[in-house]
Amino acid sequence: MGDSIDDLSERLLAFARARDWEQFQSPKNLAMALAGEAGELLEHFQWLTEAQSADLSPEKRRAVAHELADILSYLLRLAERLDVDLIAATHEKIAINEVRYPAERVRGDARRASEYED
């Protein structure tokens, strides 16, 4: 069992195929499941202070880890179904954001790109 994204994606694909679940894992359904899991992750942080959110109990940290794993699993399945190379897409998006948010212009300021005056 490898630790690469490709290895994990292949294991998830094999898991789905062994259960004949690919028929249910359309891009639409996977995107919806991904959003649902993100909501479940948010529930663990709802009503916590900033400090509490950074200092989770071991039990809460494990539950959060499982939600993150669910999110990653659905993300990888969606990328596989749409033939998206997540590593390449992420590198491309970082390059775009480096142009949209030049460090010397936005350092310490978390506004959206459209909120900066030219």
PDB file of N, CA and C in Angstrom:
ATOM      1  N   MET A   1       0.848  -1.164   0.000  1.00  0.00           N
ATOM      2  CA  MET A   1       0.000   0.000   0.000  1.00  0.00           C
ATOM      3  C   MET A   1       0.900   1.235   0.000  1.00  0.00           C
ATOM      4  N   GLY A   2       0.795   2.043  -1.072  1.00  0.00           N
ATOM      5  CA  GLY A   2       1.648   3.210  -1.209  1.00  0.00           C
ATOM      6  C   GLY A   2       1.032   4.449  -0.596  1.00  0.00           C
ATOM      7  N   ASP A   3       1.845   5.481  -0.533  1.00  0.00           N
ATOM      8  CA  ASP A   3       1.407   6.721   0.085  1.00  0.00           C
ATOM      9  C   ASP A   3       1.166   7.848  -0.911  1.00  0.00           C
ATOM     10  N   SER A   4       1.204   7.566  -2.204  1.00  0.00           N
ATOM     11  CA  SER A   4       1.013   8.628  -3.177  1.00  0.00           C
ATOM     12  C   SER A   4      -0.471   8.867  -3.437  1.00  0.00           C
ATOM     13  N   ILE A   5      -0.767  10.008  -4.017  1.00  0.00           N
ATOM     14  CA  ILE A   5      -2.151  10.311  -4.387  1.00  0.00           C
ATOM     15  C   ILE A   5      -2.659   9.280  -5.383  1.00  0.00           C
ATOM     16  N   ASP A   6      -1.803   8.897  -6.342  1.00  0.00           N
ATOM     17  CA  ASP A   6      -2.220   7.896  -7.327  1.00  0.00           C
ATOM     18  C   ASP A   6      -2.540   6.562  -6.668  1.00  0.00           C
ATOM     19  N   ASP A   7      -1.725   6.150  -5.701  1.00  0.00           N
ATOM     20  CA  ASP A   7      -1.983   4.893  -4.994  1.00  0.00           C
ATOM     21  C   ASP A   7      -3.307   4.950  -4.234  1.00  0.00           C
ATOM     22  N   LEU A   8      -3.541   6.057  -3.578  1.00  0.00           N
ATOM     23  CA  LEU A   8      -4.773   6.218  -2.822  1.00  0.00           C
ATOM     24  C   LEU A   8      -5.984   6.238  -3.757  1.00  0.00           C
ATOM     25  N   SER A   9      -5.867   6.931  -4.866  1.00  0.00           N
ATOM     26  CA  SER A   9      -6.950   6.986  -5.847  1.00  0.00           C
ATOM     27  C   SER A   9      -7.256   5.593  -6.392  1.00  0.00           C
ATOM     28  N   GLU A  10      -6.213   4.827  -6.686  1.00  0.00           N
ATOM     29  CA  GLU A  10      -6.412   3.456  -7.173  1.00  0.00           C
ATOM     30  C   GLU A  10      -7.085   2.588  -6.123  1.00  0.00           C
ATOM     31  N   ARG A  11      -6.717   2.755  -4.854  1.00  0.00           N
ATOM     32  CA  ARG A  11      -7.353   1.971  -3.792  1.00  0.00           C
ATOM     33  C   ARG A  11      -8.824   2.329  -3.658  1.00  0.00           C
ATOM     34  N   LEU A  12      -9.143   3.624  -3.762  1.00  0.00           N
ATOM     35  CA  LEU A  12     -10.546   4.062  -3.698  1.00  0.00           C
ATOM     36  C   LEU A  12     -11.343   3.538  -4.886  1.00  0.00           C
ATOM     37  N   LEU A  13     -10.742   3.540  -6.062  1.00  0.00           N
ATOM     38  CA  LEU A  13     -11.404   2.999  -7.249  1.00  0.00           C
ATOM     39  C   LEU A  13     -11.667   1.508  -7.074  1.00  0.00           C
ATOM     40  N   ALA A  14     -10.685   0.775  -6.586  1.00  0.00           N
ATOM     41  CA  ALA A  14     -10.862  -0.658  -6.353  1.00  0.00           C
ATOM     42  C   ALA A  14     -11.955  -0.911  -5.312  1.00  0.00           C
ATOM     43  N   PHE A  15     -11.993  -0.075  -4.264  1.00  0.00           N
ATOM     44  CA  PHE A  15     -13.024  -0.187  -3.233  1.00  0.00           C
ATOM     45  C   PHE A  15     -14.408  -0.013  -3.859  1.00  0.00           C
ATOM     46  N   ALA A  16     -14.566   1.023  -4.688  1.00  0.00           N
ATOM     47  CA  ALA A  16     -15.860   1.277  -5.332  1.00  0.00           C
ATOM     48  C   ALA A  16     -16.239   0.153  -6.288  1.00  0.00           C
ATOM     49  N   ARG A  17     -15.283  -0.302  -7.072  1.00  0.00           N
ATOM     50  CA  ARG A  17     -15.573  -1.362  -8.047  1.00  0.00           C
ATOM     51  C   ARG A  17     -15.941  -2.671  -7.363  1.00  0.00           C
ATOM     52  N   ALA A  18     -15.293  -3.000  -6.264  1.00  0.00           N
ATOM     53  CA  ALA A  18     -15.585  -4.239  -5.550  1.00  0.00           C
ATOM     54  C   ALA A  18     -17.016  -4.251  -5.021  1.00  0.00           C
ATOM     55  N   ARG A  19     -17.585  -3.078  -4.829  1.00  0.00           N
ATOM     56  CA  ARG A  19     -18.938  -2.958  -4.297  1.00  0.00           C
ATOM     57  C   ARG A  19     -19.952  -2.552  -5.364  1.00  0.00           C
ATOM     58  N   ASP A  20     -19.497  -2.444  -6.600  1.00  0.00           N
ATOM     59  CA  ASP A  20     -20.321  -1.996  -7.723  1.00  0.00           C
ATOM     60  C   ASP A  20     -20.943  -0.634  -7.425  1.00  0.00           C
ATOM     61  N   TRP A  21     -20.136   0.273  -6.892  1.00  0.00           N
ATOM     62  CA  TRP A  21     -20.597   1.606  -6.540  1.00  0.00           C
ATOM     63  C   TRP A  21     -20.274   2.650  -7.588  1.00  0.00           C
ATOM     64  N   GLU A  22     -19.475   2.318  -8.585  1.00  0.00           N
ATOM     65  CA  GLU A  22     -19.144   3.323  -9.597  1.00  0.00           C
ATOM     66  C   GLU A  22     -20.403   3.879 -10.260  1.00  0.00           C
ATOM     67  N   GLN A  23     -21.423   3.039 -10.362  1.00  0.00           N
ATOM     68  CA  GLN A  23     -22.671   3.491 -10.988  1.00  0.00           C
ATOM     69  C   GLN A  23     -23.301   4.659 -10.229  1.00  0.00           C
ATOM     70  N   PHE A  24     -23.004   4.784  -8.951  1.00  0.00           N
ATOM     71  CA  PHE A  24     -23.556   5.860  -8.131  1.00  0.00           C
ATOM     72  C   PHE A  24     -22.618   7.060  -8.030  1.00  0.00           C
ATOM     73  N   GLN A  25     -21.366   6.865  -8.433  1.00  0.00           N
ATOM     74  CA  GLN A  25     -20.351   7.893  -8.218  1.00  0.00           C
ATOM     75  C   GLN A  25     -20.149   8.749  -9.465  1.00  0.00           C
ATOM     76  N   SER A  26     -21.226   9.381  -9.884  1.00  0.00           N
ATOM     77  CA  SER A  26     -21.145  10.340 -10.986  1.00  0.00           C
ATOM     78  C   SER A  26     -20.459  11.603 -10.471  1.00  0.00           C
ATOM     79  N   PRO A  27     -19.936  12.427 -11.362  1.00  0.00           N
ATOM     80  CA  PRO A  27     -19.348  13.687 -10.890  1.00  0.00           C
ATOM     81  C   PRO A  27     -20.319  14.513 -10.048  1.00  0.00           C
ATOM     82  N   LYS A  28     -21.586  14.595 -10.453  1.00  0.00           N
ATOM     83  CA  LYS A  28     -22.582  15.344  -9.682  1.00  0.00           C
ATOM     84  C   LYS A  28     -22.727  14.769  -8.279  1.00  0.00           C
ATOM     85  N   ASN A  29     -22.885  13.462  -8.176  1.00  0.00           N
ATOM     86  CA  ASN A  29     -23.070  12.837  -6.864  1.00  0.00           C
ATOM     87  C   ASN A  29     -21.827  12.976  -5.995  1.00  0.00           C
ATOM     88  N   LEU A  30     -20.663  12.834  -6.600  1.00  0.00           N
ATOM     89  CA  LEU A  30     -19.420  12.973  -5.837  1.00  0.00           C
ATOM     90  C   LEU A  30     -19.237  14.407  -5.355  1.00  0.00           C
ATOM     91  N   ALA A  31     -19.579  15.393  -6.191  1.00  0.00           N
ATOM     92  CA  ALA A  31     -19.482  16.789  -5.767  1.00  0.00           C
ATOM     93  C   ALA A  31     -20.440  17.063  -4.610  1.00  0.00           C
ATOM     94  N   MET A  32     -21.639  16.504  -4.680  1.00  0.00           N
ATOM     95  CA  MET A  32     -22.607  16.687  -3.602  1.00  0.00           C
ATOM     96  C   MET A  32     -22.124  16.009  -2.316  1.00  0.00           C
ATOM     97  N   ALA A  33     -21.568  14.829  -2.435  1.00  0.00           N
ATOM     98  CA  ALA A  33     -21.051  14.126  -1.261  1.00  0.00           C
ATOM     99  C   ALA A  33     -19.878  14.893  -0.653  1.00  0.00           C
ATOM    100  N   LEU A  34     -19.046  15.468  -1.507  1.00  0.00           N
ATOM    101  CA  LEU A  34     -17.910  16.267  -1.043  1.00  0.00           C
ATOM    102  C   LEU A  34     -18.399  17.468  -0.237  1.00  0.00           C
ATOM    103  N   ALA A  35     -19.417  18.147  -0.745  1.00  0.00           N
ATOM    104  CA  ALA A  35     -19.980  19.293  -0.028  1.00  0.00           C
ATOM    105  C   ALA A  35     -20.589  18.857   1.310  1.00  0.00           C
ATOM    106  N   GLY A  36     -21.251  17.723   1.318  1.00  0.00           N
ATOM    107  CA  GLY A  36     -21.835  17.210   2.559  1.00  0.00           C
ATOM    108  C   GLY A  36     -20.777  16.909   3.599  1.00  0.00           C
ATOM    109  N   GLU A  37     -19.692  16.302   3.176  1.00  0.00           N
ATOM    110  CA  GLU A  37     -18.614  15.982   4.112  1.00  0.00           C
ATOM    111  C   GLU A  37     -17.943  17.254   4.626  1.00  0.00           C
ATOM    112  N   ALA A  38     -17.825  18.278   3.764  1.00  0.00           N
ATOM    113  CA  ALA A  38     -17.266  19.550   4.222  1.00  0.00           C
ATOM    114  C   ALA A  38     -18.169  20.150   5.299  1.00  0.00           C
ATOM    115  N   GLY A  39     -19.478  20.004   5.131  1.00  0.00           N
ATOM    116  CA  GLY A  39     -20.418  20.463   6.158  1.00  0.00           C
ATOM    117  C   GLY A  39     -20.235  19.718   7.466  1.00  0.00           C
ATOM    118  N   GLU A  40     -20.001  18.414   7.378  1.00  0.00           N
ATOM    119  CA  GLU A  40     -19.772  17.624   8.588  1.00  0.00           C
ATOM    120  C   GLU A  40     -18.489  18.063   9.287  1.00  0.00           C
ATOM    121  N   LEU A  41     -17.476  18.427   8.514  1.00  0.00           N
ATOM    122  CA  LEU A  41     -16.241  18.948   9.104  1.00  0.00           C
ATOM    123  C   LEU A  41     -16.522  20.255   9.848  1.00  0.00           C
ATOM    124  N   LEU A  42     -17.295  21.126   9.215  1.00  0.00           N
ATOM    125  CA  LEU A  42     -17.623  22.407   9.843  1.00  0.00           C
ATOM    126  C   LEU A  42     -18.332  22.225  11.184  1.00  0.00           C
ATOM    127  N   GLU A  43     -19.164  21.211  11.282  1.00  0.00           N
ATOM    128  CA  GLU A  43     -19.899  20.984  12.528  1.00  0.00           C
ATOM    129  C   GLU A  43     -18.968  20.795  13.721  1.00  0.00           C
ATOM    130  N   HIS A  44     -17.788  20.223  13.477  1.00  0.00           N
ATOM    131  CA  HIS A  44     -16.842  19.995  14.577  1.00  0.00           C
ATOM    132  C   HIS A  44     -16.262  21.304  15.111  1.00  0.00           C
ATOM    133  N   PHE A  45     -16.299  22.356  14.302  1.00  0.00           N
ATOM    134  CA  PHE A  45     -15.714  23.632  14.701  1.00  0.00           C
ATOM    135  C   PHE A  45     -16.756  24.681  15.066  1.00  0.00           C
ATOM    136  N   GLN A  46     -18.013  24.368  14.791  1.00  0.00           N
ATOM    137  CA  GLN A  46     -19.085  25.322  15.070  1.00  0.00           C
ATOM    138  C   GLN A  46     -19.093  25.665  16.555  1.00  0.00           C
ATOM    139  N   TRP A  47     -19.134  26.928  16.842  1.00  0.00           N
ATOM    140  CA  TRP A  47     -19.230  27.499  18.177  1.00  0.00           C
ATOM    141  C   TRP A  47     -17.925  27.461  18.964  1.00  0.00           C
ATOM    142  N   LEU A  48     -16.855  26.937  18.388  1.00  0.00           N
ATOM    143  CA  LEU A  48     -15.576  26.962  19.096  1.00  0.00           C
ATOM    144  C   LEU A  48     -14.915  28.326  18.912  1.00  0.00           C
ATOM    145  N   THR A  49     -14.132  28.713  19.893  1.00  0.00           N
ATOM    146  CA  THR A  49     -13.326  29.919  19.741  1.00  0.00           C
ATOM    147  C   THR A  49     -12.134  29.578  18.837  1.00  0.00           C
ATOM    148  N   GLU A  50     -11.409  30.606  18.409  1.00  0.00           N
ATOM    149  CA  GLU A  50     -10.202  30.368  17.616  1.00  0.00           C
ATOM    150  C   GLU A  50      -9.230  29.471  18.391  1.00  0.00           C
ATOM    151  N   ALA A  51      -9.052  29.768  19.664  1.00  0.00           N
ATOM    152  CA  ALA A  51      -8.132  28.990  20.493  1.00  0.00           C
ATOM    153  C   ALA A  51      -8.600  27.545  20.637  1.00  0.00           C
ATOM    154  N   GLN A  52      -9.888  27.342  20.874  1.00  0.00           N
ATOM    155  CA  GLN A  52     -10.416  25.982  21.005  1.00  0.00           C
ATOM    156  C   GLN A  52     -10.260  25.203  19.705  1.00  0.00           C
ATOM    157  N   SER A  53     -10.443  25.875  18.580  1.00  0.00           N
ATOM    158  CA  SER A  53     -10.340  25.180  17.298  1.00  0.00           C
ATOM    159  C   SER A  53      -8.916  24.722  17.007  1.00  0.00           C
ATOM    160  N   ALA A  54      -7.947  25.378  17.622  1.00  0.00           N
ATOM    161  CA  ALA A  54      -6.544  25.001  17.420  1.00  0.00           C
ATOM    162  C   ALA A  54      -6.058  23.993  18.457  1.00  0.00           C
ATOM    163  N   ASP A  55      -6.871  23.718  19.470  1.00  0.00           N
ATOM    164  CA  ASP A  55      -6.464  22.828  20.566  1.00  0.00           C
ATOM    165  C   ASP A  55      -7.538  21.778  20.809  1.00  0.00           C
ATOM    166  N   LEU A  56      -7.736  20.919  19.818  1.00  0.00           N
ATOM    167  CA  LEU A  56      -8.779  19.891  19.899  1.00  0.00           C
ATOM    168  C   LEU A  56      -8.343  18.747  20.805  1.00  0.00           C
ATOM    169  N   SER A  57      -9.309  18.149  21.459  1.00  0.00           N
ATOM    170  CA  SER A  57      -9.026  16.952  22.257  1.00  0.00           C
ATOM    171  C   SER A  57      -8.616  15.831  21.305  1.00  0.00           C
ATOM    172  N   PRO A  58      -7.945  14.803  21.808  1.00  0.00           N
ATOM    173  CA  PRO A  58      -7.575  13.680  20.931  1.00  0.00           C
ATOM    174  C   PRO A  58      -8.783  13.045  20.243  1.00  0.00           C
ATOM    175  N   GLU A  59      -9.900  12.929  20.947  1.00  0.00           N
ATOM    176  CA  GLU A  59     -11.100  12.336  20.352  1.00  0.00           C
ATOM    177  C   GLU A  59     -11.649  13.215  19.234  1.00  0.00           C
ATOM    178  N   LYS A  60     -11.705  14.519  19.484  1.00  0.00           N
ATOM    179  CA  LYS A  60     -12.217  15.458  18.478  1.00  0.00           C
ATOM    180  C   LYS A  60     -11.253  15.511  17.289  1.00  0.00           C
ATOM    181  N   ARG A  61      -9.965  15.485  17.540  1.00  0.00           N
ATOM    182  CA  ARG A  61      -8.967  15.502  16.466  1.00  0.00           C
ATOM    183  C   ARG A  61      -9.128  14.263  15.575  1.00  0.00           C
ATOM    184  N   ARG A  62      -9.394  13.126  16.184  1.00  0.00           N
ATOM    185  CA  ARG A  62      -9.599  11.905  15.399  1.00  0.00           C
ATOM    186  C   ARG A  62     -10.866  12.003  14.560  1.00  0.00           C
ATOM    187  N   ALA A  63     -11.929  12.534  15.127  1.00  0.00           N
ATOM    188  CA  ALA A  63     -13.167  12.709  14.366  1.00  0.00           C
ATOM    189  C   ALA A  63     -12.956  13.682  13.209  1.00  0.00           C
ATOM    190  N   VAL A  64     -12.219  14.755  13.431  1.00  0.00           N
ATOM    191  CA  VAL A  64     -11.900  15.709  12.373  1.00  0.00           C
ATOM    192  C   VAL A  64     -11.045  15.027  11.302  1.00  0.00           C
ATOM    193  N   ALA A  65     -10.088  14.214  11.727  1.00  0.00           N
ATOM    194  CA  ALA A  65      -9.241  13.491  10.767  1.00  0.00           C
ATOM    195  C   ALA A  65     -10.087  12.588   9.873  1.00  0.00           C
ATOM    196  N   HIS A  66     -11.090  11.941  10.437  1.00  0.00           N
ATOM    197  CA  HIS A  66     -11.961  11.072   9.639  1.00  0.00           C
ATOM    198  C   HIS A  66     -12.799  11.882   8.650  1.00  0.00           C
ATOM    199  N   GLU A  67     -13.257  13.059   9.060  1.00  0.00           N
ATOM    200  CA  GLU A  67     -13.995  13.913   8.117  1.00  0.00           C
ATOM    201  C   GLU A  67     -13.073  14.385   6.997  1.00  0.00           C
ATOM    202  N   LEU A  68     -11.850  14.751   7.337  1.00  0.00           N
ATOM    203  CA  LEU A  68     -10.885  15.154   6.307  1.00  0.00           C
ATOM    204  C   LEU A  68     -10.603  14.001   5.354  1.00  0.00           C
ATOM    205  N   ALA A  69     -10.535  12.785   5.893  1.00  0.00           N
ATOM    206  CA  ALA A  69     -10.319  11.614   5.042  1.00  0.00           C
ATOM    207  C   ALA A  69     -11.496  11.398   4.099  1.00  0.00           C
ATOM    208  N   ASP A  70     -12.708  11.591   4.595  1.00  0.00           N
ATOM    209  CA  ASP A  70     -13.889  11.483   3.728  1.00  0.00           C
ATOM    210  C   ASP A  70     -13.831  12.519   2.612  1.00  0.00           C
ATOM    211  N   ILE A  71     -13.464  13.750   2.960  1.00  0.00           N
ATOM    212  CA  ILE A  71     -13.357  14.823   1.965  1.00  0.00           C
ATOM    213  C   ILE A  71     -12.323  14.469   0.906  1.00  0.00           C
ATOM    214  N   LEU A  72     -11.157  14.018   1.351  1.00  0.00           N
ATOM    215  CA  LEU A  72     -10.105  13.644   0.405  1.00  0.00           C
ATOM    216  C   LEU A  72     -10.552  12.487  -0.473  1.00  0.00           C
ATOM    217  N   SER A  73     -11.230  11.528   0.101  1.00  0.00           N
ATOM    218  CA  SER A  73     -11.696  10.373  -0.672  1.00  0.00           C
ATOM    219  C   SER A  73     -12.650  10.795  -1.780  1.00  0.00           C
ATOM    220  N   TYR A  74     -13.630  11.612  -1.445  1.00  0.00           N
ATOM    221  CA  TYR A  74     -14.569  12.068  -2.480  1.00  0.00           C
ATOM    222  C   TYR A  74     -13.877  12.966  -3.502  1.00  0.00           C
ATOM    223  N   LEU A  75     -12.944  13.794  -3.058  1.00  0.00           N
ATOM    224  CA  LEU A  75     -12.194  14.648  -3.979  1.00  0.00           C
ATOM    225  C   LEU A  75     -11.389  13.808  -4.967  1.00  0.00           C
ATOM    226  N   LEU A  76     -10.729  12.791  -4.472  1.00  0.00           N
ATOM    227  CA  LEU A  76      -9.940  11.924  -5.352  1.00  0.00           C
ATOM    228  C   LEU A  76     -10.831  11.155  -6.325  1.00  0.00           C
ATOM    229  N   ARG A  77     -11.967  10.662  -5.852  1.00  0.00           N
ATOM    230  CA  ARG A  77     -12.892   9.949  -6.747  1.00  0.00           C
ATOM    231  C   ARG A  77     -13.418  10.893  -7.826  1.00  0.00           C
ATOM    232  N   LEU A  78     -13.758  12.131  -7.449  1.00  0.00           N
ATOM    233  CA  LEU A  78     -14.249  13.108  -8.410  1.00  0.00           C
ATOM    234  C   LEU A  78     -13.175  13.438  -9.443  1.00  0.00           C
ATOM    235  N   ALA A  79     -11.964  13.639  -8.997  1.00  0.00           N
ATOM    236  CA  ALA A  79     -10.861  13.921  -9.925  1.00  0.00           C
ATOM    237  C   ALA A  79     -10.648  12.750 -10.879  1.00  0.00           C
ATOM    238  N   GLU A  80     -10.743  11.531 -10.370  1.00  0.00           N
ATOM    239  CA  GLU A  80     -10.570  10.350 -11.219  1.00  0.00           C
ATOM    240  C   GLU A  80     -11.674  10.285 -12.261  1.00  0.00           C
ATOM    241  N   ARG A  81     -12.911  10.522 -11.845  1.00  0.00           N
ATOM    242  CA  ARG A  81     -14.046  10.455 -12.778  1.00  0.00           C
ATOM    243  C   ARG A  81     -13.957  11.522 -13.864  1.00  0.00           C
ATOM    244  N   LEU A  82     -13.380  12.682 -13.533  1.00  0.00           N
ATOM    245  CA  LEU A  82     -13.273  13.782 -14.494  1.00  0.00           C
ATOM    246  C   LEU A  82     -11.903  13.843 -15.178  1.00  0.00           C
ATOM    247  N   ASP A  83     -11.042  12.881 -14.857  1.00  0.00           N
ATOM    248  CA  ASP A  83      -9.687  12.816 -15.425  1.00  0.00           C
ATOM    249  C   ASP A  83      -8.929  14.120 -15.176  1.00  0.00           C
ATOM    250  N   VAL A  84      -8.970  14.582 -13.928  1.00  0.00           N
ATOM    251  CA  VAL A  84      -8.246  15.780 -13.511  1.00  0.00           C
ATOM    252  C   VAL A  84      -7.012  15.360 -12.732  1.00  0.00           C
ATOM    253  N   ASP A  85      -5.864  15.867 -13.148  1.00  0.00           N
ATOM    254  CA  ASP A  85      -4.619  15.666 -12.423  1.00  0.00           C
ATOM    255  C   ASP A  85      -4.576  16.728 -11.327  1.00  0.00           C
ATOM    256  N   LEU A  86      -4.858  16.316 -10.095  1.00  0.00           N
ATOM    257  CA  LEU A  86      -4.956  17.276  -8.997  1.00  0.00           C
ATOM    258  C   LEU A  86      -3.634  17.983  -8.720  1.00  0.00           C
ATOM    259  N   ILE A  87      -2.528  17.288  -8.863  1.00  0.00           N
ATOM    260  CA  ILE A  87      -1.230  17.920  -8.622  1.00  0.00           C
ATOM    261  C   ILE A  87      -0.993  19.011  -9.654  1.00  0.00           C
ATOM    262  N   ALA A  88      -1.197  18.700 -10.924  1.00  0.00           N
ATOM    263  CA  ALA A  88      -1.005  19.698 -11.983  1.00  0.00           C
ATOM    264  C   ALA A  88      -1.985  20.852 -11.830  1.00  0.00           C
ATOM    265  N   ALA A  89      -3.248  20.544 -11.525  1.00  0.00           N
ATOM    266  CA  ALA A  89      -4.260  21.592 -11.361  1.00  0.00           C
ATOM    267  C   ALA A  89      -3.911  22.506 -10.185  1.00  0.00           C
ATOM    268  N   THR A  90      -3.390  21.939  -9.115  1.00  0.00           N
ATOM    269  CA  THR A  90      -3.016  22.737  -7.946  1.00  0.00           C
ATOM    270  C   THR A  90      -1.830  23.631  -8.255  1.00  0.00           C
ATOM    271  N   HIS A  91      -0.827  23.098  -8.946  1.00  0.00           N
ATOM    272  CA  HIS A  91       0.306  23.931  -9.344  1.00  0.00           C
ATOM    273  C   HIS A  91      -0.163  25.081 -10.240  1.00  0.00           C
ATOM    274  N   GLU A  92      -1.075  24.784 -11.163  1.00  0.00           N
ATOM    275  CA  GLU A  92      -1.602  25.819 -12.045  1.00  0.00           C
ATOM    276  C   GLU A  92      -2.350  26.882 -11.247  1.00  0.00           C
ATOM    277  N   LYS A  93      -3.159  26.463 -10.289  1.00  0.00           N
ATOM    278  CA  LYS A  93      -3.933  27.404  -9.480  1.00  0.00           C
ATOM    279  C   LYS A  93      -3.020  28.259  -8.595  1.00  0.00           C
ATOM    280  N   ILE A  94      -1.959  27.678  -8.062  1.00  0.00           N
ATOM    281  CA  ILE A  94      -1.006  28.458  -7.267  1.00  0.00           C
ATOM    282  C   ILE A  94      -0.376  29.541  -8.135  1.00  0.00           C
ATOM    283  N   ALA A  95       0.007  29.182  -9.356  1.00  0.00           N
ATOM    284  CA  ALA A  95       0.604  30.166 -10.271  1.00  0.00           C
ATOM    285  C   ALA A  95      -0.373  31.305 -10.556  1.00  0.00           C
ATOM    286  N   ILE A  96      -1.640  30.981 -10.751  1.00  0.00           N
ATOM    287  CA  ILE A  96      -2.671  32.008 -10.971  1.00  0.00           C
ATOM    288  C   ILE A  96      -2.776  32.914  -9.747  1.00  0.00           C
ATOM    289  N   ASN A  97      -2.799  32.307  -8.563  1.00  0.00           N
ATOM    290  CA  ASN A  97      -2.939  33.091  -7.332  1.00  0.00           C
ATOM    291  C   ASN A  97      -1.701  33.937  -7.042  1.00  0.00           C
ATOM    292  N   GLU A  98      -0.538  33.481  -7.471  1.00  0.00           N
ATOM    293  CA  GLU A  98       0.673  34.289  -7.297  1.00  0.00           C
ATOM    294  C   GLU A  98       0.559  35.598  -8.080  1.00  0.00           C
ATOM    295  N   VAL A  99      -0.103  35.557  -9.223  1.00  0.00           N
ATOM    296  CA  VAL A  99      -0.318  36.767 -10.022  1.00  0.00           C
ATOM    297  C   VAL A  99      -1.434  37.614  -9.413  1.00  0.00           C
ATOM    298  N   ARG A 100      -2.527  36.970  -9.016  1.00  0.00           N
ATOM    299  CA  ARG A 100      -3.677  37.695  -8.446  1.00  0.00           C
ATOM    300  C   ARG A 100      -3.361  38.318  -7.089  1.00  0.00           C
ATOM    301  N   TYR A 101      -2.489  37.681  -6.323  1.00  0.00           N
ATOM    302  CA  TYR A 101      -2.167  38.128  -4.976  1.00  0.00           C
ATOM    303  C   TYR A 101      -0.655  38.275  -4.811  1.00  0.00           C
ATOM    304  N   PRO A 102      -0.051  39.297  -5.417  1.00  0.00           N
ATOM    305  CA  PRO A 102       1.400  39.467  -5.261  1.00  0.00           C
ATOM    306  C   PRO A 102       1.747  39.694  -3.785  1.00  0.00           C
ATOM    307  N   ALA A 103       2.721  38.964  -3.281  1.00  0.00           N
ATOM    308  CA  ALA A 103       3.054  39.006  -1.858  1.00  0.00           C
ATOM    309  C   ALA A 103       3.328  40.419  -1.381  1.00  0.00           C
ATOM    310  N   GLU A 104       4.028  41.211  -2.175  1.00  0.00           N
ATOM    311  CA  GLU A 104       4.373  42.563  -1.736  1.00  0.00           C
ATOM    312  C   GLU A 104       3.148  43.471  -1.633  1.00  0.00           C
ATOM    313  N   ARG A 105       2.064  43.093  -2.283  1.00  0.00           N
ATOM    314  CA  ARG A 105       0.841  43.911  -2.263  1.00  0.00           C
ATOM    315  C   ARG A 105      -0.152  43.459  -1.193  1.00  0.00           C
ATOM    316  N   VAL A 106      -0.190  42.186  -0.892  1.00  0.00           N
ATOM    317  CA  VAL A 106      -1.259  41.654  -0.042  1.00  0.00           C
ATOM    318  C   VAL A 106      -0.784  41.103   1.302  1.00  0.00           C
ATOM    319  N   ARG A 107       0.496  41.183   1.578  1.00  0.00           N
ATOM    320  CA  ARG A 107       1.022  40.602   2.818  1.00  0.00           C
ATOM    321  C   ARG A 107       0.227  41.093   4.031  1.00  0.00           C
ATOM    322  N   GLY A 108      -0.307  40.155   4.793  1.00  0.00           N
ATOM    323  CA  GLY A 108      -1.046  40.472   6.013  1.00  0.00           C
ATOM    324  C   GLY A 108      -2.459  40.984   5.785  1.00  0.00           C
ATOM    325  N   ASP A 109      -2.959  40.895   4.551  1.00  0.00           N
ATOM    326  CA  ASP A 109      -4.288  41.412   4.214  1.00  0.00           C
ATOM    327  C   ASP A 109      -5.053  40.296   3.509  1.00  0.00           C
ATOM    328  N   ALA A 110      -6.181  39.878   4.056  1.00  0.00           N
ATOM    329  CA  ALA A 110      -6.891  38.692   3.559  1.00  0.00           C
ATOM    330  C   ALA A 110      -8.109  39.021   2.705  1.00  0.00           C
ATOM    331  N   ARG A 111      -8.128  40.186   2.058  1.00  0.00           N
ATOM    332  CA  ARG A 111      -9.264  40.507   1.200  1.00  0.00           C
ATOM    333  C   ARG A 111      -9.238  39.668  -0.070  1.00  0.00           C
ATOM    334  N   ARG A 112     -10.398  39.612  -0.739  1.00  0.00           N
ATOM    335  CA  ARG A 112     -10.507  38.937  -2.038  1.00  0.00           C
ATOM    336  C   ARG A 112      -9.793  39.779  -3.082  1.00  0.00           C
ATOM    337  N   ALA A 113      -9.349  39.161  -4.148  1.00  0.00           N
ATOM    338  CA  ALA A 113      -8.601  39.860  -5.194  1.00  0.00           C
ATOM    339  C   ALA A 113      -9.372  41.049  -5.755  1.00  0.00           C
ATOM    340  N   SER A 114     -10.692  40.900  -5.910  1.00  0.00           N
ATOM    341  CA  SER A 114     -11.506  41.970  -6.471  1.00  0.00           C
ATOM    342  C   SER A 114     -11.629  43.183  -5.564  1.00  0.00           C
ATOM    343  N   GLU A 115     -11.232  43.047  -4.316  1.00  0.00           N
ATOM    344  CA  GLU A 115     -11.336  44.150  -3.369  1.00  0.00           C
ATOM    345  C   GLU A 115     -10.118  45.052  -3.342  1.00  0.00           C
ATOM    346  N   TYR A 116      -9.063  44.680  -4.042  1.00  0.00           N
ATOM    347  CA  TYR A 116      -7.862  45.510  -4.109  1.00  0.00           C
ATOM    348  C   TYR A 116      -8.014  46.496  -5.250  1.00  0.00           C
ATOM    349  N   GLU A 117      -7.651  47.716  -4.983  1.00  0.00           N
ATOM    350  CA  GLU A 117      -7.692  48.730  -6.037  1.00  0.00           C
ATOM    351  C   GLU A 117      -6.454  48.605  -6.899  1.00  0.00           C
ATOM    352  N   ASP A 118      -6.630  48.833  -8.189  1.00  0.00           N
ATOM    353  CA  ASP A 118      -5.468  48.759  -9.095  1.00  0.00           C
ATOM    354  C   ASP A 118      -4.544  49.931  -8.932  1.00  0.00           C
TER     355      ASP A 118
END
